[in-house]
C-alpha atoms as a PDB file:
ATOM      1  CA  MET A   1     -11.010  -8.797   7.138  1.00  0.00           C
ATOM      2  CA  THR A   2     -13.752  -6.489   5.881  1.00  0.00           C
ATOM      3  CA  ASP A   3     -17.420  -6.175   6.713  1.00  0.00           C
ATOM      4  CA  ILE A   4     -18.515  -5.254   3.184  1.00  0.00           C
ATOM      5  CA  ALA A   5     -18.377  -7.776   0.346  1.00  0.00           C
ATOM      6  CA  TYR A   6     -19.737  -8.027  -3.165  1.00  0.00           C
ATOM      7  CA  SER A   7     -19.722 -10.949  -5.526  1.00  0.00           C
ATOM      8  CA  ILE A   8     -17.642 -10.390  -8.617  1.00  0.00           C
ATOM      9  CA  VAL A   9     -20.878 -10.118 -10.640  1.00  0.00           C
ATOM     10  CA  GLU A  10     -22.299  -7.442  -8.305  1.00  0.00           C
ATOM     11  CA  ALA A  11     -18.992  -5.574  -8.236  1.00  0.00           C
ATOM     12  CA  ARG A  12     -18.785  -5.542 -12.022  1.00  0.00           C
ATOM     13  CA  ALA A  13     -22.224  -3.944 -12.247  1.00  0.00           C
ATOM     14  CA  ARG A  14     -21.553  -1.347  -9.519  1.00  0.00           C
ATOM     15  CA  LEU A  15     -17.794  -0.796  -9.726  1.00  0.00           C
ATOM     16  CA  GLY A  16     -17.911   2.981 -10.135  1.00  0.00           C
ATOM     17  CA  ALA A  17     -20.166   3.503  -7.120  1.00  0.00           C
ATOM     18  CA  ILE A  18     -18.237   1.001  -5.005  1.00  0.00           C
ATOM     19  CA  ALA A  19     -14.895   2.614  -5.865  1.00  0.00           C
ATOM     20  CA  ARG A  20     -16.160   6.110  -5.022  1.00  0.00           C
ATOM     21  CA  GLU A  21     -17.544   4.865  -1.703  1.00  0.00           C
ATOM     22  CA  VAL A  22     -14.274   3.150  -0.781  1.00  0.00           C
ATOM     23  CA  SER A  23     -12.320   6.279  -1.651  1.00  0.00           C
ATOM     24  CA  ALA A  24     -14.627   8.500   0.407  1.00  0.00           C
ATOM     25  CA  THR A  25     -15.017   6.274   3.476  1.00  0.00           C
ATOM     26  CA  ARG A  26     -11.678   4.410   3.479  1.00  0.00           C
ATOM     27  CA  GLU A  27     -13.677   1.261   4.269  1.00  0.00           C
ATOM     28  CA  PRO A  28     -12.254  -1.672   2.287  1.00  0.00           C
ATOM     29  CA  VAL A  29     -14.577  -3.850   0.238  1.00  0.00           C
ATOM     30  CA  ALA A  30     -14.044  -7.532  -0.485  1.00  0.00           C
ATOM     31  CA  ILE A  31     -14.742  -8.943  -3.944  1.00  0.00           C
ATOM     32  CA  THR A  32     -15.775 -12.582  -3.838  1.00  0.00           C
ATOM     33  CA  ASP A  33     -16.018 -15.391  -6.356  1.00  0.00           C
ATOM     34  CA  HIS A  34     -18.151 -18.352  -5.316  1.00  0.00           C
ATOM     35  CA  GLY A  35     -17.952 -17.181  -1.708  1.00  0.00           C
ATOM     36  CA  ASN A  36     -14.155 -16.867  -1.626  1.00  0.00           C
ATOM     37  CA  THR A  37     -12.491 -13.472  -1.291  1.00  0.00           C
ATOM     38  CA  ILE A  38     -10.376 -12.915  -4.383  1.00  0.00           C
ATOM     39  CA  ALA A  39      -9.555  -9.213  -4.005  1.00  0.00           C
ATOM     40  CA  ILE A  40      -9.875  -6.304  -1.618  1.00  0.00           C
ATOM     41  CA  LEU A  41     -10.634  -2.821  -2.926  1.00  0.00           C
ATOM     42  CA  VAL A  42      -8.955  -0.164  -0.763  1.00  0.00           C
ATOM     43  CA  SER A  43      -8.695   3.613  -0.895  1.00  0.00           C
ATOM     44  CA  PRO A  44      -5.621   5.231  -2.425  1.00  0.00           C
ATOM     45  CA  ALA A  45      -4.673   6.540   1.034  1.00  0.00           C
ATOM     46  CA  ASP A  46      -4.812   3.030   2.505  1.00  0.00           C
ATOM     47  CA  ALA A  47      -2.839   1.611  -0.421  1.00  0.00           C
ATOM     48  CA  LEU A  48      -0.117   4.218   0.174  1.00  0.00           C
ATOM     49  CA  GLU A  49      -0.015   3.391   3.885  1.00  0.00           C
ATOM     50  CA  LEU A  50       0.310  -0.299   3.035  1.00  0.00           C
ATOM     51  CA  GLU A  51       3.204   0.391   0.670  1.00  0.00           C
ATOM     52  CA  GLU A  52       4.935   2.471   3.341  1.00  0.00           C
ATOM     53  CA  MET A  53       4.445  -0.239   5.979  1.00  0.00           C
ATOM     54  CA  ARG A  54       5.837  -2.889   3.622  1.00  0.00           C
ATOM     55  CA  ALA A  55       8.863  -0.722   2.829  1.00  0.00           C
ATOM     56  CA  LEU A  56       9.472  -0.143   6.535  1.00  0.00           C
ATOM     57  CA  ALA A  57       9.197  -3.872   7.276  1.00  0.00           C
ATOM     58  CA  ALA A  58      11.666  -4.657   4.471  1.00  0.00           C
ATOM     59  CA  TYR A  59      14.060  -2.000   5.804  1.00  0.00           C
ATOM     60  CA  ARG A  60      13.878  -3.470   9.306  1.00  0.00           C
ATOM     61  CA  GLU A  61      14.482  -6.999   7.993  1.00  0.00           C
ATOM     62  CA  ARG A  62      17.593  -5.843   6.115  1.00  0.00           C
ATOM     63  CA  ARG A  63      18.805  -3.928   9.141  1.00  0.00           C
ATOM     64  CA  ASP A  64      18.234  -6.920  11.450  1.00  0.00           C
ATOM     65  CA  ARG A  65      20.224  -9.144   9.070  1.00  0.00           C
ATOM     66  CA  GLY A  66      23.072  -6.648   9.286  1.00  0.00           C
ATOM     67  CA  GLU A  67      22.753  -5.519   5.701  1.00  0.00           C
ATOM     68  CA  SER A  68      23.206  -1.926   4.740  1.00  0.00           C
ATOM     69  CA  ALA A  69      19.890  -0.385   5.647  1.00  0.00           C
ATOM     70  CA  GLY A  70      20.244   2.826   3.714  1.00  0.00           C
ATOM     71  CA  VAL A  71      22.499   5.463   2.252  1.00  0.00           C
ATOM     72  CA  PRO A  72      24.896   7.291   4.585  1.00  0.00           C
ATOM     73  CA  HIS A  73      24.044  10.955   5.109  1.00  0.00           C
ATOM     74  CA  ASP A  74      27.068  12.330   3.257  1.00  0.00           C
ATOM     75  CA  GLU A  75      26.358  10.126   0.239  1.00  0.00           C
ATOM     76  CA  ALA A  76      22.707  11.196   0.199  1.00  0.00           C
ATOM     77  CA  TYR A  77      23.804  14.821   0.341  1.00  0.00           C
ATOM     78  CA  ARG A  78      26.140  14.330  -2.616  1.00  0.00           C
ATOM     79  CA  ARG A  79      23.390  12.625  -4.614  1.00  0.00           C
ATOM     80  CA  VAL A  80      20.878  15.378  -3.928  1.00  0.00           C
ATOM     81  CA  PHE A  81      23.084  18.462  -4.059  1.00  0.00           C
ATOM     82  CA  GLY A  82      25.966  17.236  -6.214  1.00  0.00           C
ATOM     83  CA  GLY A  83      28.777  18.270  -3.937  1.00  0.00           C
ATOM     84  CA  ASP A  84      30.321  17.899  -0.518  1.00  0.00           C
ATOM     85  CA  GLU A  85      28.326  18.659   2.576  1.00  0.00           C
ATOM     86  CA  ALA A  86      28.908  22.170   3.873  1.00  0.00           C
END
């Protein structure tokens, strides 16, 4: 999962430095408790990518089930511009 890991005690003592390193390098860091990974610290950029991938997967699942997968273009236009499409 990740090559870098800190125990929860180590992470608590060095959190600022660890967080800055993760943000700069985009290398995730595992936080462990008694040898078990309990959390993964990721960069903001990676967190955003993860959110986008999850949203895309949810969209595809809805689409594959035949559910409405989005807003029709004309409706989106009305919502954004408040009138009929020109």
